[in-house]
Protein backbone atom coordinates (compact mmCIF):
# COMPACT_ATOMS: atom_id res chain seq x y z
CA MET A 1 42.18 -4.31 -18.81
CA GLN A 2 46.21 -2.56 -18.73
CA ASN A 3 47.07 -1.94 -15.16
CA ASN A 4 48.21 1.15 -15.24
CA HIS A 5 47.65 1.71 -11.18
CA THR A 6 51.36 0.93 -9.98
CA GLU A 7 52.20 4.59 -10.63
CA MET A 8 53.03 5.55 -6.69
CA VAL A 9 52.13 9.55 -6.22
CA THR A 10 54.64 12.08 -5.54
CA GLU A 11 54.95 14.71 -3.92
CA ASP A 12 56.95 18.00 -4.60
CA LYS A 13 58.36 19.32 -1.86
CA ALA A 14 59.87 22.63 -2.79
CA THR A 15 55.37 23.61 -4.13
CA ASP A 16 54.11 21.10 -2.03
CA ARG A 17 51.62 19.51 -4.74
CA ARG A 18 51.11 15.92 -6.68
CA SER A 19 52.70 15.19 -9.45
CA PRO A 20 50.47 14.56 -11.38
CA ILE A 21 48.79 10.81 -11.92
CA LEU A 22 45.93 10.63 -14.89
CA PRO A 23 48.23 11.27 -18.64
CA ARG A 24 47.67 14.57 -20.03
CA ASN A 25 45.17 12.79 -22.97
CA PRO A 26 41.78 13.39 -21.73
CA ASN A 27 40.22 10.14 -23.59
CA LYS A 28 43.38 8.81 -21.42
CA ALA A 29 43.06 10.17 -18.14
CA MET A 30 39.42 9.24 -18.87
CA GLN A 31 39.98 5.27 -19.32
CA GLN A 32 42.59 5.52 -16.24
CA MET A 33 40.20 6.34 -14.40
CA MET A 34 37.94 3.62 -15.18
CA ASP A 35 39.86 1.54 -14.42
CA THR A 36 41.14 2.55 -11.31
CA ILE A 37 36.43 2.29 -10.64
CA ASP A 38 37.05 -1.03 -11.25
CA VAL A 39 39.88 -2.09 -9.78
CA LEU A 40 37.85 -0.75 -6.77
CA ARG A 41 34.81 -2.30 -7.28
CA LYS A 42 35.77 -5.64 -7.74
CA GLN A 43 38.16 -5.13 -4.12
CA MET A 44 34.37 -3.42 -2.86
CA VAL A 45 32.37 -6.34 -3.90
CA ALA A 46 35.01 -8.86 -2.20
CA GLU A 47 34.72 -6.88 0.52
CA THR A 48 31.52 -7.07 1.10
CA GLN A 49 30.83 -10.80 0.15
CA ALA A 50 33.35 -11.62 3.02
CA LEU A 51 31.44 -9.39 5.29
CA LYS A 52 28.04 -11.02 4.02
CA GLU A 53 29.58 -14.09 4.65
CA THR A 54 31.29 -12.87 8.60
CA ASN A 55 34.30 -14.39 7.02
CA THR A 56 36.71 -11.63 9.35
CA GLN A 57 39.82 -13.02 8.17
CA GLU A 58 39.32 -12.82 3.43
CA PHE A 59 38.22 -8.82 5.49
CA MET A 60 40.61 -8.32 7.32
CA ARG A 61 43.07 -9.49 3.84
CA LEU A 62 41.86 -7.08 1.86
CA GLN A 63 41.97 -4.12 3.68
CA ASP A 64 45.72 -3.34 2.72
CA ASP A 65 44.86 -3.25 -0.51
CA LYS A 66 41.87 -1.42 0.05
CA ILE A 67 43.01 1.73 1.07
CA THR A 68 45.84 1.79 -1.19
CA ILE A 69 43.04 1.64 -4.12
CA SER A 70 40.63 3.91 -1.92
CA GLN A 71 43.91 6.65 -2.17
CA ARG A 72 44.49 6.19 -6.11
CA TYR A 73 41.04 6.72 -6.13
CA ALA A 74 40.60 9.80 -4.36
CA ARG A 75 43.67 11.27 -6.13
CA SER A 76 43.19 10.90 -9.43
CA MET A 77 38.90 12.08 -8.47
CA GLU A 78 40.87 14.92 -7.35
CA GLU A 79 42.48 15.04 -10.69
CA MET A 80 39.87 14.74 -12.39
CA ILE A 81 37.82 17.52 -11.37
CA GLU A 82 40.92 20.16 -11.00
CA ARG A 83 41.18 19.12 -15.30
CA LYS A 84 37.53 20.07 -15.57
CA GLU A 85 37.43 21.78 -18.67
CA GLU A 86 39.98 19.43 -20.39
CA MET A 87 38.29 17.16 -19.26
CA ARG A 88 36.08 18.23 -20.89
CA GLN A 89 37.69 17.58 -24.63
CA ALA A 90 37.12 13.05 -23.88
CA THR A 91 34.65 11.57 -26.26
CA PRO A 92 31.41 11.82 -25.51
CA ALA A 93 31.43 7.80 -25.30
CA LEU A 94 33.77 7.95 -23.13
CA ILE A 95 32.17 10.22 -20.87
CA GLU A 96 28.18 8.45 -20.79
CA LYS A 97 30.46 5.25 -19.67
CA LEU A 98 32.76 7.19 -17.01
CA LYS A 99 28.83 8.74 -15.71
CA ALA A 100 27.39 4.62 -15.78
CA MET A 101 30.74 3.90 -13.91
CA ARG A 102 30.55 5.79 -11.26
CA ALA A 103 27.05 5.16 -10.03
CA ASP A 104 26.70 1.26 -10.25
CA PHE A 105 29.81 2.21 -7.65
CA ALA A 106 27.93 4.28 -5.87
CA THR A 107 25.29 1.38 -6.07
CA ILE A 108 28.03 -1.23 -4.54
CA THR A 109 30.04 0.93 -2.16
CA GLN A 110 26.07 1.91 -0.19
CA GLU A 111 25.72 -1.99 -0.44
CA ASN A 112 29.08 -2.04 1.39
CA ILE A 113 28.44 0.75 4.13
CA THR A 114 24.62 -1.10 4.65
CA GLU A 115 27.25 -4.37 5.88
CA ILE A 116 29.86 -2.86 7.31
CA GLN A 117 27.02 -1.90 9.55
CA LYS A 118 25.45 -4.86 9.96
CA MET A 119 29.20 -5.99 11.02
CA SER A 120 29.15 -3.05 13.46
CA LYS A 121 26.27 -3.32 14.81
CA GLY A 122 26.96 -7.28 15.88
CA MET A 123 30.29 -6.19 17.82
CA LYS A 124 28.59 -3.19 19.56
CA SER A 125 25.47 -6.26 20.33
CA LEU A 126 28.72 -8.71 21.15
CA GLU A 127 31.21 -6.01 23.42
CA THR A 128 27.30 -6.46 25.10
CA ARG A 129 27.13 -9.60 25.97
CA ILE A 130 30.93 -9.37 27.19
CA MET A 131 30.35 -6.44 29.44
CA GLU A 132 27.40 -8.47 31.24
CA ALA A 133 29.11 -11.45 31.35
CA ALA A 134 32.65 -10.29 33.27
CA ARG A 135 30.15 -7.77 35.48
CA LYS A 136 27.96 -10.86 36.13
CA GLU A 137 31.25 -12.41 37.46
CA ALA A 138 32.41 -9.55 38.77
CA GLN A 139 29.11 -9.69 41.06
CA LYS A 140 29.75 -13.85 41.70
CA GLY A 141 33.12 -12.43 43.89
CA ASN A 142 31.43 -9.68 45.62
CA GLN A 143 29.39 -11.16 47.41
CA PHE A 144 28.36 -10.44 51.06
CA ALA A 145 28.27 -12.69 53.32
CA TYR A 146 26.58 -10.03 55.60
CA GLY A 147 22.45 -9.62 55.27
CA ALA A 148 20.64 -6.19 55.21
CA THR A 149 19.63 -7.05 59.06
CA GLY A 150 23.95 -7.86 60.35
CA LYS A 151 23.62 -11.08 60.09
CA LEU A 152 25.16 -14.30 58.18
CA LYS A 153 23.47 -15.22 55.74
CA ASP A 154 22.61 -18.78 55.15
CA GLY A 155 25.15 -20.98 52.87
CA LEU A 156 27.78 -18.76 52.86
CA THR A 157 31.20 -19.73 54.02
CA THR A 158 33.63 -16.72 55.01
CA THR A 159 36.54 -15.30 56.95
CA ILE A 160 37.27 -12.19 59.42
CA GLY A 161 40.67 -11.27 59.26
CA ILE A 162 41.92 -9.10 62.02
CA ASN A 163 44.39 -5.96 61.14
CA GLU A 164 47.40 -6.11 63.52
CA ALA A 165 48.70 -2.48 62.45
CA VAL A 166 46.24 -0.56 64.61
């Protein structure tokens, strides 16, 4: 597979419109879109695997590339939608292949989302446990030396200070 993904989206300041990133030829545009989907699919599979293995270093390493590829995918898809009449001129085989790739990509994306939700739930659980432990430690430091009857509790050492500023 050739790497057609090095093009950057440029913005035309005068018209505030982005330059096209897909080739004018509908067949080539569709092929480039499929290449982009394939690159993003591989990225999502790698990220999902890192999540399943709880490999946070690998997960974090993949994020910058994922953002770049996702932005390219979104912009390419926007362009294909804008050019939908032109895209109908592509060969039927390419159109069907793109539909199949998008369906497969949707399945992979759902699996990725499920793993991210699991990670999020695990992080929330960890946060709750940390907060509970912190509260218990804080309560240990805030023990009152006197009981409800006003008597000093057995076994506790306490200090008494006098404020002479009054």
